[in-house]
Amino acid sequence: MRAVDRLEVENNPVATAEGGEGAPSGSEKTVETSWSDAVRLLEEAAAIAAARGCDPQSFTNAAFAAYVAKNPAFRRWLETAQLAHRLDHLRREGRIGVA
C-alpha cells in the first residue's frame, strides 16, 4: 500500500455494513471524494514533475508552499508556531526576558 493510500484510509475511515454502521453519510462521502480528488491531482502533478526531472525535495517544497498559500488559517497557525519557537529560543539564550 502506498503512503498516500494509507493516509487516505487513515483520514477517511469508512465502516462496512458488517461493522453495523453501514455506508458513509453524505458528508463522509463528500470528504472521501474531495480527498480522492486531491490524491488524484497530486499524483498527476507528481507524474508531470517526475517526467520533467524535478527532484523529490523540490516537488515536496512546491506542494507545501501551494498548500500554505491556499490555506490562510494554516499559514497563520504556522507563523504563530514559528514565532513562539523563536521567542522560546531567544529566552533560553537569555537574549530576551521572561514576563
PDB file of N, CA and C in Angstrom:
ATOM      1  N   MET A   1       0.852  -1.189   0.000  1.00  0.00           N
ATOM      2  CA  MET A   1       0.000   0.000   0.000  1.00  0.00           C
ATOM      3  C   MET A   1       0.888   1.240   0.000  1.00  0.00           C
ATOM      4  N   ARG A   2       0.587   2.177  -0.887  1.00  0.00           N
ATOM      5  CA  ARG A   2       1.356   3.409  -0.965  1.00  0.00           C
ATOM      6  C   ARG A   2       1.058   4.292   0.240  1.00  0.00           C
ATOM      7  N   ALA A   3       2.012   5.170   0.571  1.00  0.00           N
ATOM      8  CA  ALA A   3       1.830   6.077   1.704  1.00  0.00           C
ATOM      9  C   ALA A   3       0.597   6.939   1.519  1.00  0.00           C
ATOM     10  N   VAL A   4       0.354   7.381   0.294  1.00  0.00           N
ATOM     11  CA  VAL A   4      -0.821   8.216   0.021  1.00  0.00           C
ATOM     12  C   VAL A   4      -2.097   7.432   0.299  1.00  0.00           C
ATOM     13  N   ASP A   5      -2.111   6.158  -0.085  1.00  0.00           N
ATOM     14  CA  ASP A   5      -3.288   5.330   0.178  1.00  0.00           C
ATOM     15  C   ASP A   5      -3.497   5.138   1.672  1.00  0.00           C
ATOM     16  N   ARG A   6      -2.390   4.955   2.413  1.00  0.00           N
ATOM     17  CA  ARG A   6      -2.510   4.798   3.867  1.00  0.00           C
ATOM     18  C   ARG A   6      -3.104   6.058   4.473  1.00  0.00           C
ATOM     19  N   LEU A   7      -2.643   7.229   4.014  1.00  0.00           N
ATOM     20  CA  LEU A   7      -3.202   8.483   4.518  1.00  0.00           C
ATOM     21  C   LEU A   7      -4.688   8.558   4.218  1.00  0.00           C
ATOM     22  N   GLU A   8      -5.064   8.150   3.023  1.00  0.00           N
ATOM     23  CA  GLU A   8      -6.471   8.212   2.638  1.00  0.00           C
ATOM     24  C   GLU A   8      -7.311   7.327   3.550  1.00  0.00           C
ATOM     25  N   VAL A   9      -6.826   6.134   3.841  1.00  0.00           N
ATOM     26  CA  VAL A   9      -7.564   5.215   4.709  1.00  0.00           C
ATOM     27  C   VAL A   9      -7.606   5.752   6.132  1.00  0.00           C
ATOM     28  N   GLU A  10      -6.473   6.261   6.624  1.00  0.00           N
ATOM     29  CA  GLU A  10      -6.414   6.767   7.989  1.00  0.00           C
ATOM     30  C   GLU A  10      -7.298   7.995   8.174  1.00  0.00           C
ATOM     31  N   ASN A  11      -7.345   8.864   7.185  1.00  0.00           N
ATOM     32  CA  ASN A  11      -8.104  10.105   7.302  1.00  0.00           C
ATOM     33  C   ASN A  11      -9.568   9.954   6.941  1.00  0.00           C
ATOM     34  N   ASN A  12      -9.923   8.876   6.294  1.00  0.00           N
ATOM     35  CA  ASN A  12     -11.299   8.668   5.864  1.00  0.00           C
ATOM     36  C   ASN A  12     -11.758   7.249   6.162  1.00  0.00           C
ATOM     37  N   PRO A  13     -11.785   6.866   7.446  1.00  0.00           N
ATOM     38  CA  PRO A  13     -12.235   5.513   7.739  1.00  0.00           C
ATOM     39  C   PRO A  13     -13.715   5.376   7.408  1.00  0.00           C
ATOM     40  N   VAL A  14     -14.043   4.311   6.714  1.00  0.00           N
ATOM     41  CA  VAL A  14     -15.432   4.047   6.360  1.00  0.00           C
ATOM     42  C   VAL A  14     -15.763   2.658   6.867  1.00  0.00           C
ATOM     43  N   ALA A  15     -16.690   2.583   7.795  1.00  0.00           N
ATOM     44  CA  ALA A  15     -17.078   1.288   8.350  1.00  0.00           C
ATOM     45  C   ALA A  15     -17.917   0.530   7.337  1.00  0.00           C
ATOM     46  N   THR A  16     -17.731  -0.770   7.297  1.00  0.00           N
ATOM     47  CA  THR A  16     -18.522  -1.594   6.397  1.00  0.00           C
ATOM     48  C   THR A  16     -19.843  -1.937   7.059  1.00  0.00           C
ATOM     49  N   ALA A  17     -20.737  -2.485   6.274  1.00  0.00           N
ATOM     50  CA  ALA A  17     -22.034  -2.884   6.809  1.00  0.00           C
ATOM     51  C   ALA A  17     -21.866  -3.957   7.869  1.00  0.00           C
ATOM     52  N   GLU A  18     -20.790  -4.771   7.770  1.00  0.00           N
ATOM     53  CA  GLU A  18     -20.545  -5.802   8.763  1.00  0.00           C
ATOM     54  C   GLU A  18     -20.309  -5.191  10.130  1.00  0.00           C
ATOM     55  N   GLY A  19     -19.722  -4.006  10.159  1.00  0.00           N
ATOM     56  CA  GLY A  19     -19.450  -3.331  11.420  1.00  0.00           C
ATOM     57  C   GLY A  19     -20.695  -2.712  12.016  1.00  0.00           C
ATOM     58  N   GLY A  20     -21.789  -2.770  11.290  1.00  0.00           N
ATOM     59  CA  GLY A  20     -23.044  -2.269  11.816  1.00  0.00           C
ATOM     60  C   GLY A  20     -23.296  -0.805  11.546  1.00  0.00           C
ATOM     61  N   GLU A  21     -22.329  -0.117  10.960  1.00  0.00           N
ATOM     62  CA  GLU A  21     -22.503   1.318  10.747  1.00  0.00           C
ATOM     63  C   GLU A  21     -22.978   1.640   9.346  1.00  0.00           C
ATOM     64  N   GLY A  22     -22.885   0.713   8.424  1.00  0.00           N
ATOM     65  CA  GLY A  22     -23.391   0.939   7.076  1.00  0.00           C
ATOM     66  C   GLY A  22     -22.493   1.822   6.249  1.00  0.00           C
ATOM     67  N   ALA A  23     -23.048   2.354   5.189  1.00  0.00           N
ATOM     68  CA  ALA A  23     -22.306   3.193   4.251  1.00  0.00           C
ATOM     69  C   ALA A  23     -22.056   4.563   4.854  1.00  0.00           C
ATOM     70  N   PRO A  24     -21.049   5.269   4.341  1.00  0.00           N
ATOM     71  CA  PRO A  24     -20.779   6.607   4.858  1.00  0.00           C
ATOM     72  C   PRO A  24     -21.931   7.560   4.571  1.00  0.00           C
ATOM     73  N   SER A  25     -22.078   8.542   5.451  1.00  0.00           N
ATOM     74  CA  SER A  25     -23.126   9.543   5.263  1.00  0.00           C
ATOM     75  C   SER A  25     -22.742  10.459   4.109  1.00  0.00           C
ATOM     76  N   GLY A  26     -23.631  11.369   3.764  1.00  0.00           N
ATOM     77  CA  GLY A  26     -23.363  12.303   2.674  1.00  0.00           C
ATOM     78  C   GLY A  26     -22.123  13.129   2.911  1.00  0.00           C
ATOM     79  N   SER A  27     -21.940  13.636   4.139  1.00  0.00           N
ATOM     80  CA  SER A  27     -20.767  14.461   4.410  1.00  0.00           C
ATOM     81  C   SER A  27     -19.496  13.625   4.370  1.00  0.00           C
ATOM     82  N   GLU A  28     -19.563  12.363   4.837  1.00  0.00           N
ATOM     83  CA  GLU A  28     -18.393  11.494   4.773  1.00  0.00           C
ATOM     84  C   GLU A  28     -18.041  11.181   3.326  1.00  0.00           C
ATOM     85  N   LYS A  29     -19.065  10.988   2.493  1.00  0.00           N
ATOM     86  CA  LYS A  29     -18.818  10.733   1.074  1.00  0.00           C
ATOM     87  C   LYS A  29     -18.158  11.947   0.429  1.00  0.00           C
ATOM     88  N   THR A  30     -18.607  13.141   0.805  1.00  0.00           N
ATOM     89  CA  THR A  30     -18.036  14.363   0.250  1.00  0.00           C
ATOM     90  C   THR A  30     -16.570  14.481   0.633  1.00  0.00           C
ATOM     91  N   VAL A  31     -16.251  14.235   1.903  1.00  0.00           N
ATOM     92  CA  VAL A  31     -14.863  14.305   2.357  1.00  0.00           C
ATOM     93  C   VAL A  31     -14.031  13.264   1.630  1.00  0.00           C
ATOM     94  N   GLU A  32     -14.562  12.046   1.523  1.00  0.00           N
ATOM     95  CA  GLU A  32     -13.837  10.976   0.848  1.00  0.00           C
ATOM     96  C   GLU A  32     -13.596  11.329  -0.616  1.00  0.00           C
ATOM     97  N   THR A  33     -14.610  11.857  -1.276  1.00  0.00           N
ATOM     98  CA  THR A  33     -14.480  12.236  -2.679  1.00  0.00           C
ATOM     99  C   THR A  33     -13.481  13.371  -2.839  1.00  0.00           C
ATOM    100  N   SER A  34     -13.565  14.389  -1.991  1.00  0.00           N
ATOM    101  CA  SER A  34     -12.648  15.517  -2.129  1.00  0.00           C
ATOM    102  C   SER A  34     -11.213  15.077  -1.843  1.00  0.00           C
ATOM    103  N   TRP A  35     -11.027  14.174  -0.879  1.00  0.00           N
ATOM    104  CA  TRP A  35      -9.675  13.685  -0.599  1.00  0.00           C
ATOM    105  C   TRP A  35      -9.178  12.854  -1.775  1.00  0.00           C
ATOM    106  N   SER A  36     -10.042  12.031  -2.342  1.00  0.00           N
ATOM    107  CA  SER A  36      -9.661  11.228  -3.509  1.00  0.00           C
ATOM    108  C   SER A  36      -9.266  12.133  -4.671  1.00  0.00           C
ATOM    109  N   ASP A  37     -10.004  13.216  -4.846  1.00  0.00           N
ATOM    110  CA  ASP A  37      -9.668  14.183  -5.895  1.00  0.00           C
ATOM    111  C   ASP A  37      -8.294  14.802  -5.635  1.00  0.00           C
ATOM    112  N   ALA A  38      -8.031  15.155  -4.381  1.00  0.00           N
ATOM    113  CA  ALA A  38      -6.741  15.750  -4.030  1.00  0.00           C
ATOM    114  C   ALA A  38      -5.606  14.765  -4.300  1.00  0.00           C
ATOM    115  N   VAL A  39      -5.814  13.515  -3.931  1.00  0.00           N
ATOM    116  CA  VAL A  39      -4.793  12.494  -4.170  1.00  0.00           C
ATOM    117  C   VAL A  39      -4.553  12.328  -5.669  1.00  0.00           C
ATOM    118  N   ARG A  40      -5.625  12.278  -6.436  1.00  0.00           N
ATOM    119  CA  ARG A  40      -5.504  12.119  -7.892  1.00  0.00           C
ATOM    120  C   ARG A  40      -4.727  13.289  -8.498  1.00  0.00           C
ATOM    121  N   LEU A  41      -5.058  14.500  -8.070  1.00  0.00           N
ATOM    122  CA  LEU A  41      -4.370  15.682  -8.599  1.00  0.00           C
ATOM    123  C   LEU A  41      -2.899  15.711  -8.188  1.00  0.00           C
ATOM    124  N   LEU A  42      -2.615  15.308  -6.952  1.00  0.00           N
ATOM    125  CA  LEU A  42      -1.218  15.241  -6.517  1.00  0.00           C
ATOM    126  C   LEU A  42      -0.440  14.205  -7.322  1.00  0.00           C
ATOM    127  N   GLU A  43      -1.086  13.072  -7.598  1.00  0.00           N
ATOM    128  CA  GLU A  43      -0.431  12.045  -8.413  1.00  0.00           C
ATOM    129  C   GLU A  43      -0.143  12.565  -9.817  1.00  0.00           C
ATOM    130  N   GLU A  44      -1.082  13.308 -10.388  1.00  0.00           N
ATOM    131  CA  GLU A  44      -0.862  13.890 -11.713  1.00  0.00           C
ATOM    132  C   GLU A  44       0.283  14.900 -11.678  1.00  0.00           C
ATOM    133  N   ALA A  45       0.294  15.744 -10.648  1.00  0.00           N
ATOM    134  CA  ALA A  45       1.366  16.732 -10.514  1.00  0.00           C
ATOM    135  C   ALA A  45       2.713  16.034 -10.327  1.00  0.00           C
ATOM    136  N   ALA A  46       2.730  14.963  -9.547  1.00  0.00           N
ATOM    137  CA  ALA A  46       3.972  14.215  -9.332  1.00  0.00           C
ATOM    138  C   ALA A  46       4.463  13.590 -10.633  1.00  0.00           C
ATOM    139  N   ALA A  47       3.545  13.062 -11.424  1.00  0.00           N
ATOM    140  CA  ALA A  47       3.924  12.458 -12.702  1.00  0.00           C
ATOM    141  C   ALA A  47       4.535  13.505 -13.635  1.00  0.00           C
ATOM    142  N   ILE A  48       3.935  14.682 -13.669  1.00  0.00           N
ATOM    143  CA  ILE A  48       4.465  15.765 -14.507  1.00  0.00           C
ATOM    144  C   ILE A  48       5.846  16.184 -14.012  1.00  0.00           C
ATOM    145  N   ALA A  49       5.971  16.353 -12.691  1.00  0.00           N
ATOM    146  CA  ALA A  49       7.256  16.762 -12.122  1.00  0.00           C
ATOM    147  C   ALA A  49       8.332  15.717 -12.396  1.00  0.00           C
ATOM    148  N   ALA A  50       7.998  14.445 -12.225  1.00  0.00           N
ATOM    149  CA  ALA A  50       8.968  13.375 -12.470  1.00  0.00           C
ATOM    150  C   ALA A  50       9.368  13.329 -13.939  1.00  0.00           C
ATOM    151  N   ALA A  51       8.402  13.500 -14.825  1.00  0.00           N
ATOM    152  CA  ALA A  51       8.687  13.475 -16.265  1.00  0.00           C
ATOM    153  C   ALA A  51       9.609  14.620 -16.674  1.00  0.00           C
ATOM    154  N   ARG A  52       9.558  15.709 -15.923  1.00  0.00           N
ATOM    155  CA  ARG A  52      10.399  16.869 -16.244  1.00  0.00           C
ATOM    156  C   ARG A  52      11.697  16.879 -15.445  1.00  0.00           C
ATOM    157  N   GLY A  53      11.935  15.809 -14.678  1.00  0.00           N
ATOM    158  CA  GLY A  53      13.194  15.682 -13.948  1.00  0.00           C
ATOM    159  C   GLY A  53      13.270  16.453 -12.651  1.00  0.00           C
ATOM    160  N   CYS A  54      12.144  16.841 -12.111  1.00  0.00           N
ATOM    161  CA  CYS A  54      12.116  17.580 -10.842  1.00  0.00           C
ATOM    162  C   CYS A  54      12.534  16.642  -9.706  1.00  0.00           C
ATOM    163  N   ASP A  55      13.427  17.108  -8.843  1.00  0.00           N
ATOM    164  CA  ASP A  55      13.827  16.264  -7.723  1.00  0.00           C
ATOM    165  C   ASP A  55      12.710  16.230  -6.674  1.00  0.00           C
ATOM    166  N   PRO A  56      12.652  15.160  -5.884  1.00  0.00           N
ATOM    167  CA  PRO A  56      11.552  14.996  -4.923  1.00  0.00           C
ATOM    168  C   PRO A  56      11.443  16.136  -3.906  1.00  0.00           C
ATOM    169  N   GLN A  57      12.576  16.647  -3.442  1.00  0.00           N
ATOM    170  CA  GLN A  57      12.524  17.715  -2.442  1.00  0.00           C
ATOM    171  C   GLN A  57      11.914  18.988  -3.019  1.00  0.00           C
ATOM    172  N   SER A  58      12.255  19.315  -4.246  1.00  0.00           N
ATOM    173  CA  SER A  58      11.672  20.498  -4.886  1.00  0.00           C
ATOM    174  C   SER A  58      10.172  20.332  -5.079  1.00  0.00           C
ATOM    175  N   PHE A  59       9.755  19.126  -5.471  1.00  0.00           N
ATOM    176  CA  PHE A  59       8.323  18.859  -5.634  1.00  0.00           C
ATOM    177  C   PHE A  59       7.598  19.001  -4.296  1.00  0.00           C
ATOM    178  N   THR A  60       8.169  18.415  -3.251  1.00  0.00           N
ATOM    179  CA  THR A  60       7.562  18.493  -1.921  1.00  0.00           C
ATOM    180  C   THR A  60       7.477  19.941  -1.447  1.00  0.00           C
ATOM    181  N   ASN A  61       8.553  20.698  -1.643  1.00  0.00           N
ATOM    182  CA  ASN A  61       8.554  22.110  -1.246  1.00  0.00           C
ATOM    183  C   ASN A  61       7.480  22.895  -1.989  1.00  0.00           C
ATOM    184  N   ALA A  62       7.355  22.650  -3.285  1.00  0.00           N
ATOM    185  CA  ALA A  62       6.352  23.360  -4.084  1.00  0.00           C
ATOM    186  C   ALA A  62       4.937  22.982  -3.654  1.00  0.00           C
ATOM    187  N   ALA A  63       4.708  21.702  -3.380  1.00  0.00           N
ATOM    188  CA  ALA A  63       3.382  21.254  -2.940  1.00  0.00           C
ATOM    189  C   ALA A  63       3.026  21.886  -1.598  1.00  0.00           C
ATOM    190  N   PHE A  64       3.990  21.910  -0.670  1.00  0.00           N
ATOM    191  CA  PHE A  64       3.733  22.501   0.641  1.00  0.00           C
ATOM    192  C   PHE A  64       3.488  24.003   0.518  1.00  0.00           C
ATOM    193  N   ALA A  65       4.291  24.685  -0.283  1.00  0.00           N
ATOM    194  CA  ALA A  65       4.109  26.129  -0.481  1.00  0.00           C
ATOM    195  C   ALA A  65       2.737  26.427  -1.075  1.00  0.00           C
ATOM    196  N   ALA A  66       2.304  25.603  -2.019  1.00  0.00           N
ATOM    197  CA  ALA A  66       0.977  25.796  -2.619  1.00  0.00           C
ATOM    198  C   ALA A  66      -0.116  25.584  -1.585  1.00  0.00           C
ATOM    199  N   TYR A  67       0.044  24.580  -0.725  1.00  0.00           N
ATOM    200  CA  TYR A  67      -0.949  24.311   0.316  1.00  0.00           C
ATOM    201  C   TYR A  67      -1.040  25.493   1.282  1.00  0.00           C
ATOM    202  N   VAL A  68       0.113  25.975   1.723  1.00  0.00           N
ATOM    203  CA  VAL A  68       0.133  27.101   2.666  1.00  0.00           C
ATOM    204  C   VAL A  68      -0.478  28.342   2.021  1.00  0.00           C
ATOM    205  N   ALA A  69      -0.190  28.571   0.755  1.00  0.00           N
ATOM    206  CA  ALA A  69      -0.730  29.738   0.052  1.00  0.00           C
ATOM    207  C   ALA A  69      -2.250  29.688  -0.050  1.00  0.00           C
ATOM    208  N   LYS A  70      -2.818  28.502  -0.141  1.00  0.00           N
ATOM    209  CA  LYS A  70      -4.271  28.357  -0.298  1.00  0.00           C
ATOM    210  C   LYS A  70      -5.006  28.134   1.014  1.00  0.00           C
ATOM    211  N   ASN A  71      -4.274  28.107   2.133  1.00  0.00           N
ATOM    212  CA  ASN A  71      -4.900  27.846   3.424  1.00  0.00           C
ATOM    213  C   ASN A  71      -4.460  28.910   4.433  1.00  0.00           C
ATOM    214  N   PRO A  72      -5.116  30.077   4.437  1.00  0.00           N
ATOM    215  CA  PRO A  72      -4.700  31.179   5.309  1.00  0.00           C
ATOM    216  C   PRO A  72      -4.698  30.819   6.797  1.00  0.00           C
ATOM    217  N   ALA A  73      -5.633  30.004   7.231  1.00  0.00           N
ATOM    218  CA  ALA A  73      -5.679  29.621   8.648  1.00  0.00           C
ATOM    219  C   ALA A  73      -4.432  28.819   9.018  1.00  0.00           C
ATOM    220  N   PHE A  74      -4.022  27.916   8.151  1.00  0.00           N
ATOM    221  CA  PHE A  74      -2.808  27.141   8.415  1.00  0.00           C
ATOM    222  C   PHE A  74      -1.587  28.045   8.387  1.00  0.00           C
ATOM    223  N   ARG A  75      -1.568  28.995   7.446  1.00  0.00           N
ATOM    224  CA  ARG A  75      -0.444  29.934   7.374  1.00  0.00           C
ATOM    225  C   ARG A  75      -0.321  30.718   8.680  1.00  0.00           C
ATOM    226  N   ARG A  76      -1.446  31.220   9.210  1.00  0.00           N
ATOM    227  CA  ARG A  76      -1.412  31.963  10.477  1.00  0.00           C
ATOM    228  C   ARG A  76      -0.929  31.070  11.613  1.00  0.00           C
ATOM    229  N   TRP A  77      -1.433  29.821  11.667  1.00  0.00           N
ATOM    230  CA  TRP A  77      -1.015  28.894  12.714  1.00  0.00           C
ATOM    231  C   TRP A  77       0.487  28.638  12.620  1.00  0.00           C
ATOM    232  N   LEU A  78       0.975  28.417  11.409  1.00  0.00           N
ATOM    233  CA  LEU A  78       2.392  28.144  11.203  1.00  0.00           C
ATOM    234  C   LEU A  78       3.242  29.347  11.605  1.00  0.00           C
ATOM    235  N   GLU A  79       2.825  30.543  11.230  1.00  0.00           N
ATOM    236  CA  GLU A  79       3.560  31.751  11.604  1.00  0.00           C
ATOM    237  C   GLU A  79       3.592  31.925  13.114  1.00  0.00           C
ATOM    238  N   THR A  80       2.467  31.661  13.781  1.00  0.00           N
ATOM    239  CA  THR A  80       2.402  31.761  15.242  1.00  0.00           C
ATOM    240  C   THR A  80       3.323  30.738  15.895  1.00  0.00           C
ATOM    241  N   ALA A  81       3.306  29.515  15.392  1.00  0.00           N
ATOM    242  CA  ALA A  81       4.163  28.461  15.940  1.00  0.00           C
ATOM    243  C   ALA A  81       5.639  28.806  15.748  1.00  0.00           C
ATOM    244  N   GLN A  82       5.993  29.346  14.581  1.00  0.00           N
ATOM    245  CA  GLN A  82       7.383  29.732  14.328  1.00  0.00           C
ATOM    246  C   GLN A  82       7.812  30.872  15.248  1.00  0.00           C
ATOM    247  N   LEU A  83       6.927  31.839  15.455  1.00  0.00           N
ATOM    248  CA  LEU A  83       7.239  32.949  16.349  1.00  0.00           C
ATOM    249  C   LEU A  83       7.424  32.447  17.778  1.00  0.00           C
ATOM    250  N   ALA A  84       6.532  31.589  18.240  1.00  0.00           N
ATOM    251  CA  ALA A  84       6.636  31.044  19.595  1.00  0.00           C
ATOM    252  C   ALA A  84       7.944  30.272  19.763  1.00  0.00           C
ATOM    253  N   HIS A  85       8.311  29.500  18.760  1.00  0.00           N
ATOM    254  CA  HIS A  85       9.561  28.742  18.816  1.00  0.00           C
ATOM    255  C   HIS A  85      10.760  29.687  18.881  1.00  0.00           C
ATOM    256  N   ARG A  86      10.735  30.730  18.058  1.00  0.00           N
ATOM    257  CA  ARG A  86      11.840  31.695  18.035  1.00  0.00           C
ATOM    258  C   ARG A  86      11.953  32.435  19.370  1.00  0.00           C
ATOM    259  N   LEU A  87      10.824  32.861  19.926  1.00  0.00           N
ATOM    260  CA  LEU A  87      10.850  33.548  21.224  1.00  0.00           C
ATOM    261  C   LEU A  87      11.365  32.627  22.320  1.00  0.00           C
ATOM    262  N   ASP A  88      10.941  31.366  22.304  1.00  0.00           N
ATOM    263  CA  ASP A  88      11.413  30.395  23.292  1.00  0.00           C
ATOM    264  C   ASP A  88      12.924  30.219  23.177  1.00  0.00           C
ATOM    265  N   HIS A  89      13.411  30.147  21.961  1.00  0.00           N
ATOM    266  CA  HIS A  89      14.849  30.005  21.722  1.00  0.00           C
ATOM    267  C   HIS A  89      15.607  31.223  22.269  1.00  0.00           C
ATOM    268  N   LEU A  90      15.105  32.415  21.989  1.00  0.00           N
ATOM    269  CA  LEU A  90      15.753  33.639  22.479  1.00  0.00           C
ATOM    270  C   LEU A  90      15.724  33.712  24.002  1.00  0.00           C
ATOM    271  N   ARG A  91      14.632  33.267  24.616  1.00  0.00           N
ATOM    272  CA  ARG A  91      14.550  33.257  26.083  1.00  0.00           C
ATOM    273  C   ARG A  91      15.572  32.298  26.676  1.00  0.00           C
ATOM    274  N   ARG A  92      15.693  31.108  26.096  1.00  0.00           N
ATOM    275  CA  ARG A  92      16.654  30.131  26.605  1.00  0.00           C
ATOM    276  C   ARG A  92      18.086  30.634  26.466  1.00  0.00           C
ATOM    277  N   GLU A  93      18.348  31.436  25.451  1.00  0.00           N
ATOM    278  CA  GLU A  93      19.681  32.019  25.262  1.00  0.00           C
ATOM    279  C   GLU A  93      19.901  33.227  26.171  1.00  0.00           C
ATOM    280  N   GLY A  94      18.853  33.702  26.831  1.00  0.00           N
ATOM    281  CA  GLY A  94      18.963  34.864  27.688  1.00  0.00           C
ATOM    282  C   GLY A  94      18.988  36.177  26.930  1.00  0.00           C
ATOM    283  N   ARG A  95      18.559  36.157  25.692  1.00  0.00           N
ATOM    284  CA  ARG A  95      18.588  37.364  24.868  1.00  0.00           C
ATOM    285  C   ARG A  95      17.355  38.231  25.069  1.00  0.00           C
ATOM    286  N   ILE A  96      16.261  37.639  25.566  1.00  0.00           N
ATOM    287  CA  ILE A  96      15.073  38.416  25.933  1.00  0.00           C
ATOM    288  C   ILE A  96      14.580  37.903  27.283  1.00  0.00           C
ATOM    289  N   GLY A  97      13.903  38.776  28.000  1.00  0.00           N
ATOM    290  CA  GLY A  97      13.425  38.417  29.324  1.00  0.00           C
ATOM    291  C   GLY A  97      12.151  37.595  29.290  1.00  0.00           C
ATOM    292  N   VAL A  98      11.868  37.010  30.443  1.00  0.00           N
ATOM    293  CA  VAL A  98      10.644  36.229  30.599  1.00  0.00           C
ATOM    294  C   VAL A  98       9.676  37.060  31.426  1.00  0.00           C
ATOM    295  N   ALA A  99       8.463  37.221  30.936  1.00  0.00           N
ATOM    296  CA  ALA A  99       7.479  38.031  31.655  1.00  0.00           C
ATOM    297  C   ALA A  99       6.782  37.209  32.708  1.00  0.00           C
TER     298      ALA A  99
END
